[in-house]
Amino acid sequence: MDTTVTAGSEENVWDGGNRPLGASYGKLMMWFFLVSDALSFSGFLCAYGFSRFKFIETWPIADEVFTHVPFFHGNYPMIYVAFMTFILIMSSVTMVLAVDAGHKMKQNAVIWYLFATIIGGAIFVGSQAWEWATFIKGDYGALETKGGRILQFVNAETGERAALADFTTALPEERVKHLASEGVWYESEGYKTSFSLNEVLEGFKANPNILIRTETINEDGEKTLLNREQSLGRLSDAVRVVEGANLIRNEYGSRLFADFFFFITGFHGFHVFSGVVINVIIFFNVILGTYEKRGHYEMVEKVGLYWHFVDLVWVFVFTFFYLV
């Protein structure tokens, strides 16, 4: 029996027509965009991985950097980041349910599932903004040497990090404050650290229980802790006080870590924020019955593809920055 399938027959899955595999133009364009965006994120993460392993001995330990939880004081490594990840993944679940409800033409169900997706995305973006603010502000403070190395402080009795405020000695240093009332010679004062270098040095010398911890990671996977004599010797290399992190200095360790953190998580955060805005627009269109009149909810499905992509990218960002 001749089973040859002729061109143009309904049994032929791919006939080279205008809608291969039954995908609409909008879906194909969304897939093209996602593939190109995936290549961008891949390049960024590869650059991060290369830099990390090149400077692995001085790279910050994530468990010692991301330890904060809103409204709670203490050391809770990775707890809040795990919460953010859970919220984003659950928003992907509600988006799946919204798409499925759209296929069944259930308008009310689409509305509620899209609303849940928007709330989840908003919580994630807000949490990321809070995490940025905490990262920028810092928690303990450190010193930077002439060579750009970071010196952190540890309480020898407890073995825990010591904040500058715990041991710094206040000195009667004269500080000129620039005010707008000074007329044409007014100059903006700019950012000043909470403590001067001399105040930190004097406080360290007056507290024998405080030791210095360098950013170099030893064989046990921990930062190298110096004894008291070695600590006093390293103080001579210090040139400035560092609090928090920015694109120039980083109290947690390598400057590259902060650069990559701001760029990659910011780039991903922009994607999530854009997805929330688009979901809000689609949400109101669903309420107005726009897609009911069209007879399909394909727009919800296309936005769902974008949202799932954003969630998938976060899994890789979460793994690279926080787990590995």
Protein backbone atom coordinates (compact mmCIF):
# COMPACT_ATOMS: atom_id res chain seq x y z
CA MET A 1 0.00 0.00 0.00
CA ASP A 2 1.31 3.43 -0.90
CA THR A 3 1.54 5.51 2.26
CA THR A 4 3.20 8.54 0.70
CA VAL A 5 1.92 11.79 2.19
CA THR A 6 1.33 14.39 -0.45
CA ALA A 7 2.33 18.03 0.00
CA GLY A 8 -0.47 20.12 1.42
CA SER A 9 -2.27 17.16 3.00
CA GLU A 10 -3.61 17.64 6.54
CA GLU A 11 -1.40 14.81 7.83
CA ASN A 12 1.78 16.67 6.90
CA VAL A 13 3.04 18.44 10.03
CA TRP A 14 5.51 20.72 8.24
CA ASP A 15 4.56 21.97 4.83
CA GLY A 16 6.59 25.20 4.74
CA GLY A 17 3.46 27.33 4.85
CA ASN A 18 2.88 30.60 6.66
CA ARG A 19 2.14 28.86 9.98
CA PRO A 20 4.64 26.00 10.46
CA LEU A 21 3.65 23.65 13.28
CA GLY A 22 0.53 25.74 13.76
CA ALA A 23 2.40 28.55 15.54
CA SER A 24 1.18 32.07 14.97
CA TYR A 25 3.45 34.92 13.94
CA GLY A 26 3.28 36.39 17.45
CA LYS A 27 4.40 33.15 19.10
CA LEU A 28 7.30 32.74 16.68
CA MET A 29 8.49 36.29 17.32
CA MET A 30 8.29 35.71 21.08
CA TRP A 31 10.41 32.57 20.73
CA PHE A 32 12.98 34.46 18.62
CA PHE A 33 13.16 37.15 21.30
CA LEU A 34 13.56 34.61 24.11
CA VAL A 35 16.34 32.77 22.29
CA SER A 36 18.27 36.01 21.73
CA ASP A 37 17.70 37.04 25.36
CA ALA A 38 18.89 33.64 26.54
CA LEU A 39 22.14 34.17 24.65
CA SER A 40 22.61 37.53 26.40
CA PHE A 41 22.13 36.04 29.86
CA SER A 42 24.38 33.12 28.94
CA GLY A 43 27.18 35.52 28.01
CA PHE A 44 26.81 37.45 31.28
CA LEU A 45 26.81 34.30 33.41
CA CYS A 46 29.79 32.85 31.55
CA ALA A 47 31.70 36.09 32.19
CA TYR A 48 30.74 35.87 35.86
CA GLY A 49 31.88 32.25 36.07
CA PHE A 50 35.20 33.03 34.39
CA SER A 51 35.89 35.95 36.75
CA ARG A 52 34.91 33.96 39.80
CA PHE A 53 37.21 31.05 39.10
CA LYS A 54 40.02 33.37 38.10
CA PHE A 55 39.80 35.15 41.47
CA ILE A 56 38.34 32.27 43.46
CA GLU A 57 40.74 32.77 46.39
CA THR A 58 39.35 36.25 47.11
CA TRP A 59 35.74 35.85 45.99
CA PRO A 60 33.12 36.68 48.67
CA ILE A 61 31.27 33.77 50.30
CA ALA A 62 27.55 34.12 49.57
CA ASP A 63 26.53 32.70 52.96
CA GLU A 64 28.37 35.58 54.62
CA VAL A 65 26.98 38.29 52.34
CA PHE A 66 23.26 37.53 51.98
CA THR A 67 22.30 36.95 55.60
CA HIS A 68 19.52 39.47 56.13
CA VAL A 69 15.78 39.06 56.54
CA PRO A 70 13.43 42.08 56.72
CA PHE A 71 12.25 43.00 60.23
CA PHE A 72 14.55 40.39 61.81
CA HIS A 73 18.02 40.89 63.22
CA GLY A 74 20.51 38.06 63.09
CA ASN A 75 22.39 35.80 60.74
CA TYR A 76 20.03 33.97 58.37
CA PRO A 77 22.14 32.95 55.37
CA MET A 78 20.18 32.49 52.13
CA ILE A 79 16.79 32.38 53.87
CA TYR A 80 15.32 35.46 52.21
CA VAL A 81 16.81 34.65 48.82
CA ALA A 82 15.18 31.22 49.03
CA PHE A 83 11.86 32.94 49.83
CA MET A 84 12.23 35.18 46.78
CA THR A 85 12.93 32.16 44.59
CA PHE A 86 9.88 30.32 45.95
CA ILE A 87 7.63 33.31 45.24
CA LEU A 88 8.87 33.62 41.66
CA ILE A 89 8.44 29.91 40.96
CA MET A 90 4.92 29.95 42.39
CA SER A 91 4.10 32.88 40.11
CA SER A 92 5.05 30.62 37.20
CA VAL A 93 2.52 28.07 38.47
CA THR A 94 -0.26 30.65 38.55
CA MET A 95 0.72 31.78 35.06
CA VAL A 96 0.36 28.18 33.81
CA LEU A 97 -3.09 28.05 35.37
CA ALA A 98 -4.00 31.36 33.73
CA VAL A 99 -2.97 30.07 30.30
CA ASP A 100 -4.90 26.84 30.84
CA ALA A 101 -7.99 28.79 31.90
CA GLY A 102 -7.61 30.90 28.76
CA HIS A 103 -7.62 27.79 26.60
CA LYS A 104 -10.92 26.84 28.26
CA MET A 105 -12.27 30.40 27.79
CA LYS A 106 -12.80 30.87 31.53
CA GLN A 107 -12.50 34.63 31.91
CA ASN A 108 -12.88 34.85 35.71
CA ALA A 109 -10.26 32.17 36.31
CA VAL A 110 -7.81 33.97 34.01
CA ILE A 111 -8.39 37.19 35.96
CA TRP A 112 -7.65 35.65 39.36
CA TYR A 113 -4.61 33.66 38.21
CA LEU A 114 -3.14 36.68 36.43
CA PHE A 115 -3.73 38.77 39.55
CA ALA A 116 -1.83 36.20 41.65
CA THR A 117 1.01 36.24 39.10
CA ILE A 118 1.23 40.03 39.27
CA ILE A 119 1.33 39.99 43.08
CA GLY A 120 4.10 37.38 43.05
CA GLY A 121 6.15 39.38 40.55
CA ALA A 122 5.67 42.60 42.54
CA ILE A 123 6.82 40.88 45.75
CA PHE A 124 9.93 39.60 43.97
CA VAL A 125 10.83 43.01 42.52
CA GLY A 126 10.27 44.69 45.88
CA SER A 127 12.38 42.06 47.62
CA GLN A 128 15.17 42.53 45.13
CA ALA A 129 15.10 46.29 45.67
CA TRP A 130 15.35 45.71 49.43
CA GLU A 131 18.24 43.30 48.92
CA TRP A 132 20.06 45.88 46.79
CA ALA A 133 19.57 48.54 49.46
CA THR A 134 20.90 46.22 52.16
CA PHE A 135 23.88 45.22 50.01
CA ILE A 136 24.72 48.87 49.27
CA LYS A 137 24.36 49.98 52.88
CA GLY A 138 26.51 47.20 54.32
CA ASP A 139 26.44 45.77 57.79
CA TYR A 140 29.89 45.55 59.35
CA GLY A 141 32.27 47.81 57.49
CA ALA A 142 35.90 47.07 56.58
CA LEU A 143 39.21 48.63 55.60
CA GLU A 144 40.75 48.77 52.15
CA THR A 145 44.51 48.46 51.61
CA LYS A 146 46.75 50.20 49.09
CA GLY A 147 46.44 47.22 46.77
CA GLY A 148 42.64 47.22 46.94
CA ARG A 149 42.38 44.28 49.35
CA ILE A 150 39.65 44.18 51.99
CA LEU A 151 40.38 43.71 55.71
CA GLN A 152 37.42 42.59 57.80
CA PHE A 153 37.24 42.33 61.59
CA VAL A 154 36.44 39.40 63.86
CA ASN A 155 35.80 39.13 67.58
CA ALA A 156 38.33 36.59 68.86
CA GLU A 157 36.10 35.57 71.77
CA THR A 158 32.99 34.72 69.75
CA GLY A 159 34.57 34.03 66.37
CA GLU A 160 31.93 36.21 64.70
CA ARG A 161 32.30 39.27 62.49
CA ALA A 162 32.81 42.53 64.35
CA ALA A 163 31.23 45.74 63.08
CA LEU A 164 33.23 48.95 63.10
CA ALA A 165 30.75 50.42 65.56
CA ASP A 166 31.62 47.68 68.07
CA PHE A 167 35.18 48.81 68.71
CA THR A 168 35.83 52.17 67.01
CA THR A 169 37.11 54.96 69.25
CA ALA A 170 35.67 58.42 68.68
CA LEU A 171 38.39 61.06 68.17
CA PRO A 172 38.03 64.84 68.44
CA GLU A 173 38.85 65.26 64.79
CA GLU A 174 37.91 68.55 63.18
CA ARG A 175 35.59 68.04 60.25
CA VAL A 176 34.70 70.87 57.89
CA LYS A 177 31.04 70.74 56.93
CA HIS A 178 30.04 72.42 53.69
CA LEU A 179 26.76 74.31 53.87
CA ALA A 180 24.73 76.04 51.20
CA SER A 181 24.77 79.16 53.37
CA GLU A 182 28.46 79.57 52.61
CA GLY A 183 27.55 81.33 49.40
CA VAL A 184 29.35 81.03 46.08
CA TRP A 185 32.05 78.84 47.61
CA TYR A 186 29.54 76.15 48.52
CA GLU A 187 30.65 72.65 47.60
CA SER A 188 28.57 69.51 48.07
CA GLU A 189 30.04 67.44 50.87
CA GLY A 190 29.31 64.09 49.27
CA TYR A 191 29.32 60.74 51.02
CA LYS A 192 31.26 60.31 54.26
CA THR A 193 31.82 57.03 56.07
CA SER A 194 30.49 56.69 59.61
CA PHE A 195 34.02 56.48 61.01
CA SER A 196 37.36 57.85 59.91
CA LEU A 197 40.39 55.65 59.30
CA ASN A 198 42.14 57.01 62.40
CA GLU A 199 39.13 56.22 64.59
CA VAL A 200 39.11 52.61 63.36
CA LEU A 201 42.87 52.21 63.87
CA GLU A 202 42.77 53.62 67.38
CA GLY A 203 39.78 51.49 68.30
CA PHE A 204 41.48 48.37 66.99
CA LYS A 205 44.64 49.03 69.00
CA ALA A 206 42.57 49.58 72.15
CA ASN A 207 40.65 46.30 71.79
CA PRO A 208 42.96 43.25 71.95
CA ASN A 209 40.07 40.87 71.25
CA ILE A 210 39.60 42.18 67.71
CA LEU A 211 41.44 40.40 64.90
CA ILE A 212 41.68 40.95 61.16
CA ARG A 213 40.31 38.57 58.59
CA THR A 214 41.55 38.87 55.02
CA GLU A 215 39.48 38.17 51.90
CA THR A 216 41.72 35.22 50.96
CA ILE A 217 39.95 31.86 51.29
CA ASN A 218 41.99 29.07 52.90
CA GLU A 219 41.90 25.32 52.29
CA ASP A 220 38.90 24.93 54.61
CA GLY A 221 36.85 27.28 52.46
CA GLU A 222 36.94 30.07 55.05
CA LYS A 223 38.47 33.53 55.09
CA THR A 224 42.03 33.65 56.50
CA LEU A 225 42.09 34.84 60.12
CA LEU A 226 45.27 36.60 61.29
CA ASN A 227 46.62 36.56 64.84
CA ARG A 228 46.97 39.75 66.83
CA GLU A 229 50.55 40.46 65.76
CA GLN A 230 49.80 39.84 62.10
CA SER A 231 46.66 41.96 62.34
CA LEU A 232 48.58 44.94 63.72
CA GLY A 233 51.07 44.57 60.88
CA ARG A 234 48.37 44.63 58.20
CA LEU A 235 46.85 47.84 59.56
CA SER A 236 49.77 49.82 58.14
CA ASP A 237 48.51 49.00 54.63
CA ALA A 238 45.00 50.39 55.23
CA VAL A 239 44.16 53.59 53.36
CA ARG A 240 40.38 54.00 53.75
CA VAL A 241 37.19 52.83 55.44
CA VAL A 242 34.68 50.95 53.29
CA GLU A 243 31.01 50.56 54.17
CA GLY A 244 28.69 48.53 51.97
CA ALA A 245 29.21 47.97 48.26
CA ASN A 246 29.04 49.94 45.04
CA LEU A 247 30.64 49.86 41.59
CA ILE A 248 33.94 51.16 42.99
CA ARG A 249 34.40 49.54 46.41
CA ASN A 250 33.03 46.47 48.15
CA GLU A 251 33.35 45.67 51.86
CA TYR A 252 32.55 42.00 51.20
CA GLY A 253 35.60 41.31 49.03
CA SER A 254 36.39 41.46 45.32
CA ARG A 255 35.03 44.52 43.51
CA LEU A 256 34.08 42.37 40.54
CA PHE A 257 31.54 40.53 42.68
CA ALA A 258 29.60 43.74 43.31
CA ASP A 259 29.86 44.76 39.64
CA PHE A 260 28.44 41.48 38.41
CA PHE A 261 25.82 41.40 41.17
CA PHE A 262 24.43 44.81 40.29
CA PHE A 263 24.53 44.22 36.54
CA ILE A 264 23.15 40.69 36.27
CA THR A 265 20.54 40.84 39.04
CA GLY A 266 19.60 44.33 37.85
CA PHE A 267 19.20 43.11 34.28
CA HIS A 268 17.04 40.23 35.47
CA GLY A 269 15.08 42.52 37.79
CA PHE A 270 14.33 44.79 34.84
CA HIS A 271 12.92 41.78 32.99
CA VAL A 272 10.71 40.86 35.94
CA PHE A 273 9.51 44.46 36.30
CA SER A 274 8.74 44.61 32.58
CA GLY A 275 6.84 41.33 32.88
CA VAL A 276 4.77 42.71 35.76
CA VAL A 277 3.88 45.82 33.73
CA ILE A 278 2.88 43.73 30.71
CA ASN A 279 0.85 41.39 32.91
CA VAL A 280 -1.00 44.37 34.37
CA ILE A 281 -1.92 45.54 30.84
CA ILE A 282 -3.07 42.03 29.87
CA PHE A 283 -4.96 41.79 33.19
CA PHE A 284 -7.09 44.84 32.41
CA ASN A 285 -7.65 43.64 28.84
CA VAL A 286 -9.01 40.38 30.24
CA ILE A 287 -11.33 42.30 32.57
CA LEU A 288 -12.58 44.40 29.65
CA GLY A 289 -13.33 41.23 27.69
CA THR A 290 -10.90 42.01 24.85
CA TYR A 291 -9.83 38.40 24.39
CA GLU A 292 -13.35 37.06 24.82
CA LYS A 293 -14.33 39.13 21.79
CA ARG A 294 -11.34 37.78 19.84
CA GLY A 295 -12.34 34.25 20.72
CA HIS A 296 -8.93 33.27 22.12
CA TYR A 297 -6.41 34.14 24.86
CA GLU A 298 -3.26 33.78 22.81
CA MET A 299 -1.86 37.03 24.22
CA VAL A 300 -1.94 35.50 27.70
CA GLU A 301 -0.04 32.50 26.37
CA LYS A 302 2.64 34.68 24.75
CA VAL A 303 3.15 36.67 27.95
CA GLY A 304 3.28 33.36 29.80
CA LEU A 305 6.21 32.25 27.65
CA TYR A 306 8.10 35.40 28.63
CA TRP A 307 7.27 34.93 32.31
CA HIS A 308 8.45 31.32 32.35
CA PHE A 309 11.68 32.39 30.67
CA VAL A 310 12.29 35.02 33.37
CA ASP A 311 11.72 32.39 36.06
CA LEU A 312 14.07 29.94 34.37
CA VAL A 313 16.81 32.56 34.11
CA TRP A 314 16.48 33.29 37.82
CA VAL A 315 17.15 29.62 38.58
CA PHE A 316 20.54 29.98 36.88
CA VAL A 317 21.26 33.37 38.49
CA PHE A 318 20.31 31.95 41.89
CA THR A 319 22.59 28.96 41.35
CA PHE A 320 25.59 30.98 40.16
CA PHE A 321 25.43 33.79 42.73
CA TYR A 322 24.04 32.15 45.83
CA LEU A 323 24.62 28.40 45.75
CA VAL A 324 27.83 27.62 43.89
